[in-house]
């Protein structure tokens, strides 16, 4: 891993790779809980909601509401990363809290069900159900139904892009004002130049992507496979404007580039922000200057999409 010129500000995570296996997941997942610290921020109200998914299963959504925000307020539906197999990590919650406070929006944080116990398309359907719940209950939740954005990192970006495709295919009335996709997983073929190059990078690499695929049981022969691999979707027209962010030393780097090109070819407006000296999931190091700059870019994009047309 030392052969990659990753910025030293990301140490020690620049030398860490999760030991992904079903045995590891069985041991680790039960201990990954929602951090209690999110309830201690006096500038936010955080409420817990249990909603019903498409198959009758129950999933948790947290509503993060800045006390200073207007009511009704814009809303970000946030879908965390974790390879479809890991719960949200502490930095996912920290990012969501920052988005709520600094964008001035509500955040619906979705704790969807995970593979391998709940294979594809369960996690997509859970996120779609959370979107429907948010939209249907916008008035009582203090949310502007005409100002809903959706975003997520890594696998959460696949879920984001997938829900956008699902909403269009199912003719849902929601009109997302944006889709936000930091270091996204969007191409399940796992054969891009960056996938071939970065097989042993820290935090995530092509070897781990290949290991995850059988756990999700995503079937290439199913029509809903494109939710899981949206770079392969034949039609991406009429999707929301996108913010796509890439990490330099990341097997998924080209996923973001390929999807940006595909969206632009379909006439979709794309903001592409390429970070340097970074590995996948670099924003786990919250105090790094590169992380601060990237989060500032995300926040500026969301502010512009939520409020730009009203200025």
Protein backbone atom coordinates (compact mmCIF):
# COMPACT_ATOMS: atom_id res chain seq x y z
CA UNK A 1 0.00 0.00 0.00
CA UNK A 2 2.99 2.29 0.46
CA UNK A 3 3.33 2.49 -3.34
CA UNK A 4 0.29 4.79 -3.44
CA UNK A 5 0.90 8.48 -2.81
CA UNK A 6 -1.96 8.87 -0.37
CA UNK A 7 -1.88 12.07 1.63
CA UNK A 8 -0.43 11.33 5.10
CA UNK A 9 -3.30 13.31 6.66
CA UNK A 10 -5.37 10.14 6.22
CA UNK A 11 -3.18 7.99 8.49
CA UNK A 12 -3.91 5.45 9.97
CA UNK A 13 -6.81 4.67 7.63
CA UNK A 14 -4.46 4.99 4.67
CA UNK A 15 -3.04 1.66 5.93
CA UNK A 16 -6.30 -0.08 6.81
CA UNK A 17 -8.40 -2.51 4.79
CA UNK A 18 -11.49 -4.13 6.33
CA UNK A 19 -11.24 -7.96 6.48
CA UNK A 20 -14.55 -8.49 4.70
CA UNK A 21 -15.98 -12.01 4.99
CA UNK A 22 -19.26 -13.46 6.19
CA UNK A 23 -17.53 -14.52 9.40
CA UNK A 24 -16.22 -10.99 9.98
CA UNK A 25 -19.63 -9.49 9.28
CA UNK A 26 -21.34 -11.87 11.72
CA UNK A 27 -18.90 -10.69 14.38
CA UNK A 28 -18.77 -6.97 13.59
CA UNK A 29 -22.26 -5.92 12.49
CA UNK A 30 -24.04 -6.51 15.84
CA UNK A 31 -21.60 -4.09 17.50
CA UNK A 32 -22.10 -1.24 15.02
CA UNK A 33 -24.75 0.89 16.71
CA UNK A 34 -26.12 4.39 16.16
CA UNK A 35 -23.78 6.68 18.13
CA UNK A 36 -25.49 8.29 21.11
CA UNK A 37 -23.61 11.52 20.41
CA UNK A 38 -26.02 12.42 17.61
CA UNK A 39 -28.72 13.06 20.21
CA UNK A 40 -26.51 15.46 22.19
CA UNK A 41 -26.19 18.22 19.60
CA UNK A 42 -28.36 21.02 20.99
CA UNK A 43 -28.79 22.64 17.58
CA UNK A 44 -30.56 19.57 16.21
CA UNK A 45 -33.63 17.53 16.99
CA UNK A 46 -33.26 13.84 16.10
CA UNK A 47 -36.35 11.63 16.00
CA UNK A 48 -36.60 7.88 15.44
CA UNK A 49 -39.12 6.39 13.00
CA UNK A 50 -39.79 2.77 12.14
CA UNK A 51 -41.36 2.33 8.72
CA UNK A 52 -42.67 -0.60 6.75
CA UNK A 53 -40.85 -1.73 3.64
CA UNK A 54 -42.24 -3.36 0.51
CA UNK A 55 -42.34 -6.87 2.01
CA UNK A 56 -43.68 -5.95 5.44
CA UNK A 57 -40.21 -5.75 6.95
CA UNK A 58 -39.45 -2.92 9.37
CA UNK A 59 -36.61 -0.45 8.82
CA UNK A 60 -35.34 2.47 10.88
CA UNK A 61 -35.18 6.06 9.69
CA UNK A 62 -33.73 8.92 11.73
CA UNK A 63 -35.01 12.43 11.04
CA UNK A 64 -32.38 15.07 11.76
CA UNK A 65 -33.91 18.54 12.00
CA UNK A 66 -31.88 21.73 12.55
CA UNK A 67 -33.69 23.85 15.11
CA UNK A 68 -32.79 26.99 13.16
CA UNK A 69 -34.19 25.77 9.82
CA UNK A 70 -37.37 27.09 8.30
CA UNK A 71 -40.46 24.90 8.45
CA UNK A 72 -41.19 23.30 6.10
CA UNK A 73 -37.55 22.76 5.13
CA UNK A 74 -35.77 21.06 2.22
CA UNK A 75 -34.78 17.47 2.90
CA UNK A 76 -31.84 15.22 2.05
CA UNK A 77 -32.53 11.48 2.03
CA UNK A 78 -29.17 10.02 3.07
CA UNK A 79 -28.18 6.44 2.18
CA UNK A 80 -24.95 5.37 3.87
CA UNK A 81 -22.18 3.30 2.31
CA UNK A 82 -20.80 0.00 3.55
CA UNK A 83 -20.72 -2.37 0.59
CA UNK A 84 -24.41 -3.30 1.11
CA UNK A 85 -23.22 -5.45 4.05
CA UNK A 86 -22.13 -3.02 6.79
CA UNK A 87 -24.26 -0.64 8.88
CA UNK A 88 -23.53 3.07 8.95
CA UNK A 89 -20.24 4.04 10.58
CA UNK A 90 -19.72 6.97 12.91
CA UNK A 91 -18.50 9.28 10.17
CA UNK A 92 -21.68 8.69 8.15
CA UNK A 93 -23.70 10.11 11.03
CA UNK A 94 -21.25 13.00 11.47
CA UNK A 95 -21.51 13.89 7.79
CA UNK A 96 -25.30 13.76 7.93
CA UNK A 97 -25.36 16.07 10.96
CA UNK A 98 -23.11 18.53 9.16
CA UNK A 99 -25.31 18.47 6.07
CA UNK A 100 -28.38 19.20 8.19
CA UNK A 101 -26.79 22.07 10.09
CA UNK A 102 -24.73 23.69 7.34
CA UNK A 103 -27.14 23.23 4.44
CA UNK A 104 -30.11 24.12 6.63
CA UNK A 105 -32.12 21.07 5.61
CA UNK A 106 -33.69 18.09 7.27
CA UNK A 107 -31.98 14.75 6.77
CA UNK A 108 -33.74 11.39 6.63
CA UNK A 109 -31.03 8.87 7.53
CA UNK A 110 -32.04 5.41 6.31
CA UNK A 111 -30.84 2.26 8.07
CA UNK A 112 -31.82 -0.18 5.33
CA UNK A 113 -31.50 -3.94 5.69
CA UNK A 114 -28.19 -5.54 4.73
CA UNK A 115 -26.84 -8.44 2.71
CA UNK A 116 -26.13 -11.30 2.95
CA UNK A 117 -29.21 -11.85 5.14
CA UNK A 118 -31.21 -9.53 2.90
CA UNK A 119 -29.90 -9.80 -0.68
CA UNK A 120 -30.62 -7.63 -3.70
CA UNK A 121 -33.08 -6.03 -4.28
CA UNK A 122 -34.08 -5.71 -0.59
CA UNK A 123 -31.73 -2.82 0.20
CA UNK A 124 -32.94 -0.91 -2.87
CA UNK A 125 -36.59 -1.53 -2.04
CA UNK A 126 -35.97 -0.41 1.57
CA UNK A 127 -34.46 2.87 0.38
CA UNK A 128 -37.29 3.37 -2.09
CA UNK A 129 -39.81 2.74 0.71
CA UNK A 130 -38.03 5.34 2.85
CA UNK A 131 -38.26 7.82 -0.02
CA UNK A 132 -41.99 7.13 -0.41
CA UNK A 133 -42.51 7.53 3.35
CA UNK A 134 -40.64 10.85 3.32
CA UNK A 135 -42.64 12.15 0.39
CA UNK A 136 -46.02 10.92 1.65
CA UNK A 137 -45.46 12.35 5.13
CA UNK A 138 -43.68 15.53 4.10
CA UNK A 139 -46.29 17.86 5.63
CA UNK A 140 -46.29 16.21 9.05
CA UNK A 141 -42.49 15.92 9.04
CA UNK A 142 -42.03 19.60 8.23
CA UNK A 143 -40.49 18.81 4.82
CA UNK A 144 -40.97 20.57 1.52
CA UNK A 145 -42.07 17.86 -0.91
CA UNK A 146 -40.78 19.98 -3.81
CA UNK A 147 -37.28 20.24 -2.29
CA UNK A 148 -36.14 16.67 -1.73
CA UNK A 149 -32.61 15.60 -2.64
CA UNK A 150 -31.03 12.19 -2.28
CA UNK A 151 -27.44 11.13 -1.72
CA UNK A 152 -25.04 8.55 -0.40
CA UNK A 153 -21.43 7.46 -0.56
CA UNK A 154 -19.96 4.29 -2.09
CA UNK A 155 -22.70 1.61 -2.01
CA UNK A 156 -25.01 4.38 -0.80
CA UNK A 157 -24.36 6.10 -4.13
CA UNK A 158 -25.56 2.97 -5.95
CA UNK A 159 -28.66 3.03 -3.76
CA UNK A 160 -29.11 6.73 -4.57
CA UNK A 161 -28.79 6.24 -8.32
CA UNK A 162 -30.99 3.15 -8.10
CA UNK A 163 -33.79 4.94 -6.26
CA UNK A 164 -33.68 7.71 -8.88
CA UNK A 165 -34.11 5.08 -11.59
CA UNK A 166 -36.87 3.34 -9.63
CA UNK A 167 -38.79 6.56 -9.07
CA UNK A 168 -38.64 7.35 -12.77
CA UNK A 169 -39.61 3.80 -13.83
CA UNK A 170 -42.50 3.65 -11.35
CA UNK A 171 -43.64 7.19 -12.18
CA UNK A 172 -43.47 8.36 -8.60
CA UNK A 173 -44.40 12.04 -8.30
CA UNK A 174 -41.20 12.94 -6.42
CA UNK A 175 -38.95 15.32 -8.33
CA UNK A 176 -35.52 15.01 -6.77
CA UNK A 177 -33.67 18.31 -6.94
CA UNK A 178 -30.34 16.42 -7.01
CA UNK A 179 -28.49 13.16 -6.53
CA UNK A 180 -25.22 13.37 -4.58
CA UNK A 181 -22.69 10.59 -5.21
CA UNK A 182 -19.33 10.73 -3.34
CA UNK A 183 -16.81 8.02 -4.40
CA UNK A 184 -19.67 5.98 -5.88
CA UNK A 185 -20.05 2.28 -6.58
CA UNK A 186 -21.92 2.32 -9.89
CA UNK A 187 -20.39 -0.34 -12.15
CA UNK A 188 -20.73 -3.94 -11.01
CA UNK A 189 -18.67 -5.26 -13.93
CA UNK A 190 -15.55 -4.54 -11.84
CA UNK A 191 -13.39 -4.30 -14.97
CA UNK A 192 -12.65 -0.59 -15.38
CA UNK A 193 -9.09 0.69 -15.58
CA UNK A 194 -9.19 1.81 -11.94
CA UNK A 195 -10.53 -1.61 -10.85
CA UNK A 196 -7.71 -3.34 -12.68
CA UNK A 197 -5.16 -0.94 -11.18
CA UNK A 198 -6.30 -0.71 -7.56
CA UNK A 199 -6.64 -4.27 -6.29
CA UNK A 200 -4.93 -3.69 -2.92
CA UNK A 201 -5.65 -0.08 -1.98
CA UNK A 202 -6.62 0.72 1.63
CA UNK A 203 -10.21 1.11 2.84
CA UNK A 204 -11.58 -0.50 -0.35
CA UNK A 205 -10.27 -2.18 -3.49
CA UNK A 206 -11.30 -4.33 -6.43
CA UNK A 207 -10.54 -7.53 -4.53
CA UNK A 208 -13.08 -6.56 -1.85
CA UNK A 209 -15.64 -5.59 -4.50
CA UNK A 210 -15.29 -9.07 -6.00
CA UNK A 211 -15.69 -10.62 -2.55
CA UNK A 212 -18.86 -8.63 -1.83
CA UNK A 213 -20.65 -9.45 -5.09
CA UNK A 214 -21.69 -13.04 -4.17
CA UNK A 215 -22.99 -11.82 -0.80
CA UNK A 216 -25.46 -9.45 -2.45
CA UNK A 217 -26.75 -12.16 -4.81
CA UNK A 218 -27.46 -9.55 -7.46
CA UNK A 219 -28.51 -11.41 -10.60
CA UNK A 220 -27.35 -9.90 -13.88
CA UNK A 221 -30.32 -11.52 -15.64
CA UNK A 222 -32.91 -9.61 -13.61
CA UNK A 223 -34.25 -6.35 -15.05
CA UNK A 224 -33.64 -4.62 -11.69
CA UNK A 225 -29.91 -5.38 -11.94
CA UNK A 226 -29.31 -1.89 -13.39
CA UNK A 227 -30.20 -0.39 -9.99
CA UNK A 228 -27.13 -2.22 -8.70
CA UNK A 229 -24.99 -1.29 -11.72
CA UNK A 230 -26.45 1.96 -13.12
CA UNK A 231 -23.48 2.56 -15.45
CA UNK A 232 -25.01 -0.31 -17.44
CA UNK A 233 -28.49 1.24 -17.60
CA UNK A 234 -29.61 1.83 -21.18
CA UNK A 235 -31.59 4.96 -20.35
CA UNK A 236 -30.59 7.60 -17.81
CA UNK A 237 -32.68 10.42 -19.26
CA UNK A 238 -34.82 12.60 -16.99
CA UNK A 239 -32.75 11.90 -13.89
CA UNK A 240 -31.88 14.68 -11.41
CA UNK A 241 -28.73 16.84 -11.59
CA UNK A 242 -25.76 15.05 -10.07
CA UNK A 243 -22.80 15.83 -7.86
CA UNK A 244 -20.17 13.14 -8.39
CA UNK A 245 -17.00 13.03 -6.31
CA UNK A 246 -14.07 10.70 -6.91
CA UNK A 247 -11.10 9.54 -4.84
CA UNK A 248 -7.75 9.24 -6.62
CA UNK A 249 -6.50 5.87 -5.35
CA UNK A 250 -9.84 4.07 -5.48
CA UNK A 251 -10.95 1.11 -7.54
CA UNK A 252 -14.28 2.92 -7.93
CA UNK A 253 -12.70 6.09 -9.35
CA UNK A 254 -13.79 5.25 -12.90
CA UNK A 255 -17.33 4.39 -11.79
CA UNK A 256 -17.83 8.08 -11.08
CA UNK A 257 -16.23 9.19 -14.35
CA UNK A 258 -18.22 6.73 -16.46
CA UNK A 259 -21.51 7.71 -14.84
CA UNK A 260 -20.75 11.40 -15.19
CA UNK A 261 -20.13 10.87 -18.91
CA UNK A 262 -23.30 8.81 -19.26
CA UNK A 263 -25.46 11.41 -17.51
CA UNK A 264 -23.96 14.28 -19.48
CA UNK A 265 -24.59 12.43 -22.76
CA UNK A 266 -28.24 12.24 -21.72
CA UNK A 267 -28.37 15.98 -21.06
CA UNK A 268 -28.16 15.72 -17.25
CA UNK A 269 -26.20 18.46 -15.49
CA UNK A 270 -23.22 17.02 -13.60
CA UNK A 271 -20.85 18.62 -11.10
CA UNK A 272 -17.69 16.49 -11.02
CA UNK A 273 -15.24 17.00 -8.15
CA UNK A 274 -12.07 14.89 -8.24
CA UNK A 275 -10.09 14.70 -5.00
CA UNK A 276 -6.34 14.03 -5.03
CA UNK A 277 -4.16 12.04 -2.66
CA UNK A 278 -7.27 10.24 -1.42
CA UNK A 279 -8.41 6.67 -0.97
CA UNK A 280 -11.95 5.34 -0.84
CA UNK A 281 -13.84 6.52 2.23
CA UNK A 282 -11.26 9.21 2.94
CA UNK A 283 -13.81 11.34 4.80
CA UNK A 284 -13.61 8.94 7.71
CA UNK A 285 -10.76 11.29 8.71
CA UNK A 286 -12.99 14.25 9.46
CA UNK A 287 -10.26 16.76 10.35
CA UNK A 288 -8.19 16.29 7.20
CA UNK A 289 -8.03 19.43 5.06
CA UNK A 290 -8.94 17.42 1.98
CA UNK A 291 -12.01 16.08 3.75
CA UNK A 292 -13.05 19.54 4.87
CA UNK A 293 -12.71 20.84 1.30
CA UNK A 294 -14.74 17.96 -0.13
CA UNK A 295 -17.53 18.32 2.42
CA UNK A 296 -17.60 22.06 1.69
CA UNK A 297 -18.09 21.24 -2.01
CA UNK A 298 -20.96 18.87 -1.21
CA UNK A 299 -22.61 21.45 1.03
CA UNK A 300 -22.23 24.24 -1.54
CA UNK A 301 -23.80 22.01 -4.20
CA UNK A 302 -26.75 21.10 -2.00
CA UNK A 303 -27.34 24.71 -0.96
CA UNK A 304 -27.36 25.79 -4.59
CA UNK A 305 -29.79 23.05 -5.60
CA UNK A 306 -32.12 23.61 -2.64
CA UNK A 307 -32.13 27.39 -2.64
CA UNK A 308 -30.51 28.63 -5.87
CA UNK A 309 -33.73 28.93 -7.85
CA UNK A 310 -35.36 30.87 -5.04
CA UNK A 311 -32.75 33.59 -4.67
